[in-house]
Amino acid sequence: MFSLVLFGSLPAIHAKKIPATQRPYVIDSKTYYPIPSSEGYTKQGLASWYGPGFHGHKTSNGEIYNMHEMTAAHKVLPMNTTLLVHNLENDKKVVVRVNDRGPFVRGRIIDLSHKAAKALGIVKKGTMRVEIIALAKKFRKKKDGSAVLSYDDIQHGDYFVQIGAFRYPGNAEALAKRFHDAGHKTMIYRWQGEKQELFRLWVYVGHTLSRAEDAERKLQDKGYKGAFIVRCDEEQKRHLSAPHFPVQSSPRVP
């Protein structure tokens, strides 16, 4: 039987220690949580583009948006992440740099500058299915002295789906009990922002990103519209003294 794990008494993570562009932010009542690293990141979905209406305005990292440069907006990747964008419909590829947040439409995974979208053949249609791949930037030396690209394996790890963030721990515990009673391990993650404390409810969904993405879709379809994937990395485990979580199937939503 899986048990409820509550970390309410452990030290909270303070947002003020995180760069401004990496702090949680709210758009249309939904909170987005930027991930700490882009290394090993890859995802498929719809790409869109934005141009004249935003040209000359500030981006999320303070730069002035220039639709004639090879840039892009992403909801959670760190700023200045370099991405290979592969148009799966015509096999064209470009490399862009993340300097903004978005797109905030379900199913869309990247918002490209006009120049990048034009190079990929997306401008006229508006959206196209793409694969985005984060390009590794650090090297690891082998014993023979040669260097190879090194990055974390983001396809595997301890994956959760966050289904709610509550001001009062009792509300988080009540929803956690429903999932616990349905046979799922949950974790309540105490997060301390600059102005308020939140209790974030995570449901464990397995060791692979594909399983986590399947669980995220199911939970969103069942009414948890703000559900999103969380990968519990080694730094978080050190903060939370989290146990090793056993593999299980995607959640049966109670």
Protein backbone atom coordinates (compact mmCIF):
# COMPACT_ATOMS: atom_id res chain seq x y z
CA MET A 1 0.00 0.00 0.00
CA PHE A 2 1.34 3.44 -0.91
CA SER A 3 1.41 5.99 1.86
CA LEU A 4 0.98 9.73 2.15
CA VAL A 5 4.26 11.58 2.57
CA LEU A 6 3.97 15.05 4.08
CA PHE A 7 7.02 17.26 4.21
CA GLY A 8 5.34 20.21 5.91
CA SER A 9 7.85 20.33 8.78
CA LEU A 10 10.94 20.43 6.57
CA PRO A 11 12.76 23.62 5.48
CA ALA A 12 10.89 25.49 2.76
CA ILE A 13 12.53 26.47 -0.51
CA HIS A 14 12.78 30.27 -0.72
CA ALA A 15 12.04 31.90 -4.07
CA LYS A 16 14.36 34.85 -3.36
CA LYS A 17 17.38 32.56 -3.86
CA ILE A 18 16.29 31.83 -7.43
CA PRO A 19 16.85 34.18 -10.42
CA ALA A 20 13.73 36.17 -11.29
CA THR A 21 13.20 34.36 -14.60
CA GLN A 22 13.29 30.99 -12.76
CA ARG A 23 10.65 31.83 -10.16
CA PRO A 24 7.07 30.52 -10.44
CA TYR A 25 4.73 32.90 -12.28
CA VAL A 26 0.98 33.07 -12.94
CA ILE A 27 -0.76 33.49 -16.31
CA ASP A 28 -4.58 33.29 -16.54
CA SER A 29 -4.80 31.86 -13.02
CA LYS A 30 -2.36 29.03 -13.85
CA THR A 31 1.01 28.83 -12.12
CA TYR A 32 4.08 27.82 -14.13
CA TYR A 33 7.23 26.48 -12.47
CA PRO A 34 10.43 26.91 -14.54
CA ILE A 35 12.72 23.89 -14.44
CA PRO A 36 16.32 24.28 -13.17
CA SER A 37 18.10 22.81 -16.18
CA SER A 38 17.48 22.25 -19.89
CA GLU A 39 20.11 19.56 -20.27
CA GLY A 40 18.77 16.48 -22.03
CA TYR A 41 15.39 18.14 -22.68
CA THR A 42 13.38 17.02 -25.71
CA LYS A 43 9.67 17.29 -26.50
CA GLN A 44 7.23 17.09 -29.41
CA GLY A 45 4.18 19.29 -29.89
CA LEU A 46 2.85 22.33 -31.73
CA ALA A 47 5.02 25.35 -32.49
CA SER A 48 3.47 28.77 -33.07
CA TRP A 49 5.04 32.16 -33.73
CA TYR A 50 4.68 35.80 -32.69
CA GLY A 51 5.76 38.88 -34.56
CA PRO A 52 4.69 42.51 -35.28
CA GLY A 53 2.41 42.94 -32.26
CA PHE A 54 5.32 42.22 -29.89
CA HIS A 55 8.26 43.60 -31.91
CA GLY A 56 10.13 46.23 -29.88
CA HIS A 57 8.55 45.23 -26.57
CA LYS A 58 10.40 43.76 -23.60
CA THR A 59 10.65 39.99 -23.29
CA SER A 60 10.41 38.14 -19.98
CA ASN A 61 14.16 38.37 -19.40
CA GLY A 62 14.26 42.12 -20.08
CA GLU A 63 15.56 42.01 -23.65
CA ILE A 64 13.85 43.94 -26.43
CA TYR A 65 12.04 41.48 -28.68
CA ASN A 66 13.30 41.50 -32.25
CA MET A 67 11.19 39.31 -34.50
CA HIS A 68 14.08 39.26 -37.03
CA GLU A 69 16.37 37.32 -34.66
CA MET A 70 16.43 33.56 -34.02
CA THR A 71 14.73 33.49 -30.64
CA ALA A 72 11.79 31.76 -28.98
CA ALA A 73 9.49 31.75 -25.97
CA HIS A 74 9.10 28.69 -23.74
CA LYS A 75 7.02 28.26 -20.61
CA VAL A 76 9.56 26.62 -18.28
CA LEU A 77 13.02 26.21 -19.84
CA PRO A 78 15.80 28.42 -18.43
CA MET A 79 16.50 31.65 -20.28
CA ASN A 80 19.23 31.47 -22.93
CA THR A 81 18.64 27.75 -23.50
CA THR A 82 19.72 26.89 -27.05
CA LEU A 83 17.19 24.69 -28.85
CA LEU A 84 17.21 22.74 -32.07
CA VAL A 85 13.68 23.01 -33.53
CA HIS A 86 12.83 20.30 -36.08
CA ASN A 87 9.68 20.76 -38.17
CA LEU A 88 8.29 17.23 -38.35
CA GLU A 89 6.02 18.13 -41.27
CA ASN A 90 8.70 19.31 -43.73
CA ASP A 91 11.97 18.19 -42.05
CA LYS A 92 13.36 21.75 -41.79
CA LYS A 93 15.50 22.64 -38.76
CA VAL A 94 16.65 25.82 -37.01
CA VAL A 95 18.51 26.71 -33.82
CA VAL A 96 16.97 29.32 -31.52
CA ARG A 97 17.67 30.89 -28.12
CA VAL A 98 15.00 31.13 -25.41
CA ASN A 99 14.55 34.72 -24.22
CA ASP A 100 10.82 34.89 -23.39
CA ARG A 101 7.93 33.00 -21.76
CA GLY A 102 5.01 31.38 -23.60
CA PRO A 103 3.03 30.16 -25.47
CA PHE A 104 0.17 29.90 -22.99
CA VAL A 105 -2.10 27.74 -25.13
CA ARG A 106 -2.54 24.05 -24.31
CA GLY A 107 -0.72 21.79 -26.72
CA ARG A 108 1.72 24.44 -27.95
CA ILE A 109 5.25 23.93 -26.70
CA ILE A 110 7.18 26.83 -28.23
CA ASP A 111 6.52 30.31 -29.64
CA LEU A 112 9.04 31.20 -32.35
CA SER A 113 10.22 34.55 -33.64
CA HIS A 114 9.03 35.50 -37.13
CA LYS A 115 12.49 34.77 -38.56
CA ALA A 116 12.63 31.28 -37.05
CA ALA A 117 9.05 30.49 -38.07
CA LYS A 118 9.72 31.66 -41.63
CA ALA A 119 12.82 29.46 -41.86
CA LEU A 120 10.75 26.48 -40.71
CA GLY A 121 7.84 27.24 -43.07
CA ILE A 122 5.37 27.89 -40.25
CA VAL A 123 4.34 31.51 -40.88
CA LYS A 124 1.48 30.95 -43.33
CA LYS A 125 -0.12 28.00 -41.51
CA GLY A 126 0.42 29.49 -38.05
CA THR A 127 1.30 26.26 -36.23
CA MET A 128 3.10 23.05 -37.11
CA ARG A 129 4.17 19.94 -35.26
CA VAL A 130 7.80 20.08 -34.17
CA GLU A 131 10.36 18.42 -31.97
CA ILE A 132 12.53 20.63 -29.76
CA ILE A 133 15.87 19.43 -28.43
CA ALA A 134 18.04 21.30 -25.93
CA LEU A 135 21.62 21.49 -27.15
CA ALA A 136 24.18 20.50 -24.51
CA LYS A 137 26.76 23.12 -23.64
CA LYS A 138 29.17 21.38 -21.28
CA PHE A 139 31.80 18.77 -22.02
CA ARG A 140 33.11 15.81 -20.07
CA LYS A 141 36.66 14.57 -20.58
CA LYS A 142 37.17 10.88 -21.29
CA LYS A 143 40.14 8.88 -20.02
CA ASP A 144 41.84 9.16 -23.39
CA GLY A 145 41.71 12.97 -23.17
CA SER A 146 38.93 13.48 -25.71
CA ALA A 147 35.82 15.47 -24.83
CA VAL A 148 32.20 14.41 -25.15
CA LEU A 149 28.94 16.25 -24.52
CA SER A 150 27.51 15.50 -21.11
CA TYR A 151 23.94 15.99 -19.90
CA ASP A 152 21.39 14.60 -17.47
CA ASP A 153 19.06 11.85 -18.63
CA ILE A 154 15.76 13.72 -18.40
CA GLN A 155 13.87 10.73 -19.83
CA HIS A 156 14.25 8.88 -16.52
CA GLY A 157 13.92 9.92 -12.90
CA ASP A 158 11.34 10.28 -10.13
CA TYR A 159 8.35 11.92 -11.81
CA PHE A 160 5.31 13.50 -10.20
CA VAL A 161 2.35 15.49 -11.49
CA GLN A 162 1.37 18.52 -9.45
CA ILE A 163 -2.42 18.70 -9.17
CA GLY A 164 -2.81 21.65 -6.84
CA ALA A 165 -1.16 24.36 -4.75
CA PHE A 166 -2.90 25.40 -1.52
CA ARG A 167 -2.45 28.15 1.06
CA TYR A 168 -3.65 25.83 3.84
CA PRO A 169 -2.06 22.39 4.42
CA GLY A 170 -5.40 20.89 5.42
CA ASN A 171 -6.79 21.45 1.91
CA ALA A 172 -3.76 19.76 0.37
CA GLU A 173 -4.06 16.86 2.82
CA ALA A 174 -7.75 16.34 2.00
CA LEU A 175 -7.06 15.96 -1.72
CA ALA A 176 -3.95 13.88 -1.03
CA LYS A 177 -6.08 11.45 0.99
CA ARG A 178 -8.35 10.84 -2.01
CA PHE A 179 -5.38 9.80 -4.13
CA HIS A 180 -3.85 7.88 -1.24
CA ASP A 181 -7.07 5.93 -0.78
CA ALA A 182 -6.99 5.10 -4.50
CA GLY A 183 -3.54 3.55 -4.02
CA HIS A 184 -1.14 6.32 -4.98
CA LYS A 185 1.85 7.79 -3.23
CA THR A 186 1.55 11.56 -2.81
CA MET A 187 3.85 14.24 -1.51
CA ILE A 188 2.99 17.66 -0.13
CA TYR A 189 5.86 20.01 -0.92
CA ARG A 190 6.05 23.10 1.29
CA TRP A 191 7.18 26.03 -0.87
CA GLN A 192 7.95 29.47 0.57
CA GLY A 193 7.57 32.38 -1.85
CA GLU A 194 8.40 36.01 -1.19
CA LYS A 195 4.85 36.91 -0.13
CA GLN A 196 3.13 33.63 0.72
CA GLU A 197 3.63 30.02 1.61
CA LEU A 198 2.09 27.30 -0.56
CA PHE A 199 1.57 23.57 -0.09
CA ARG A 200 2.02 21.91 -3.48
CA LEU A 201 0.42 18.49 -3.91
CA TRP A 202 2.38 16.03 -6.05
CA VAL A 203 1.17 12.58 -7.19
CA TYR A 204 3.89 10.07 -8.01
CA VAL A 205 3.55 8.76 -11.59
CA GLY A 206 6.67 6.72 -12.33
CA HIS A 207 10.28 6.65 -13.50
CA THR A 208 9.91 7.75 -17.14
CA LEU A 209 8.99 11.01 -18.83
CA SER A 210 6.60 9.26 -21.24
CA ARG A 211 4.64 7.78 -18.33
CA ALA A 212 4.55 11.19 -16.65
CA GLU A 213 3.24 12.84 -19.84
CA ASP A 214 0.50 10.20 -20.10
CA ALA A 215 -0.49 10.80 -16.47
CA GLU A 216 -0.47 14.58 -16.98
CA ARG A 217 -2.90 14.27 -19.93
CA LYS A 218 -5.24 11.96 -18.00
CA LEU A 219 -5.33 14.25 -14.99
CA GLN A 220 -5.98 17.32 -17.14
CA ASP A 221 -8.79 15.49 -18.95
CA LYS A 222 -10.32 14.56 -15.58
CA GLY A 223 -10.59 18.19 -14.55
CA TYR A 224 -7.19 18.99 -13.05
CA LYS A 225 -6.59 21.68 -15.70
CA GLY A 226 -3.49 23.09 -14.06
CA ALA A 227 -1.76 19.70 -13.69
CA PHE A 228 1.86 19.65 -14.80
CA ILE A 229 4.91 17.39 -14.57
CA VAL A 230 7.52 17.73 -11.83
CA ARG A 231 10.82 15.86 -11.86
CA CYS A 232 12.24 15.36 -8.39
CA ASP A 233 15.95 15.86 -8.99
CA GLU A 234 18.87 15.18 -6.69
CA GLU A 235 18.90 18.73 -5.29
CA GLN A 236 15.24 18.49 -4.27
CA LYS A 237 15.84 15.08 -2.70
CA ARG A 238 18.60 16.57 -0.55
CA HIS A 239 16.24 19.34 0.56
CA LEU A 240 13.38 17.00 1.30
CA SER A 241 15.12 13.80 2.36
CA ALA A 242 12.71 12.09 -0.04
CA PRO A 243 12.65 8.27 -0.10
CA HIS A 244 13.13 6.19 -3.23
CA PHE A 245 9.72 5.89 -4.88
CA PRO A 246 8.67 2.52 -6.39
CA VAL A 247 7.47 2.31 -10.00
CA GLN A 248 3.72 2.34 -10.51
CA SER A 249 1.30 2.98 -13.35
CA SER A 250 -0.31 6.31 -14.21
CA PRO A 251 -2.86 7.50 -11.66
CA ARG A 252 -6.40 6.20 -11.62
CA VAL A 253 -8.08 9.51 -10.89
CA PRO A 254 -10.33 9.21 -7.81
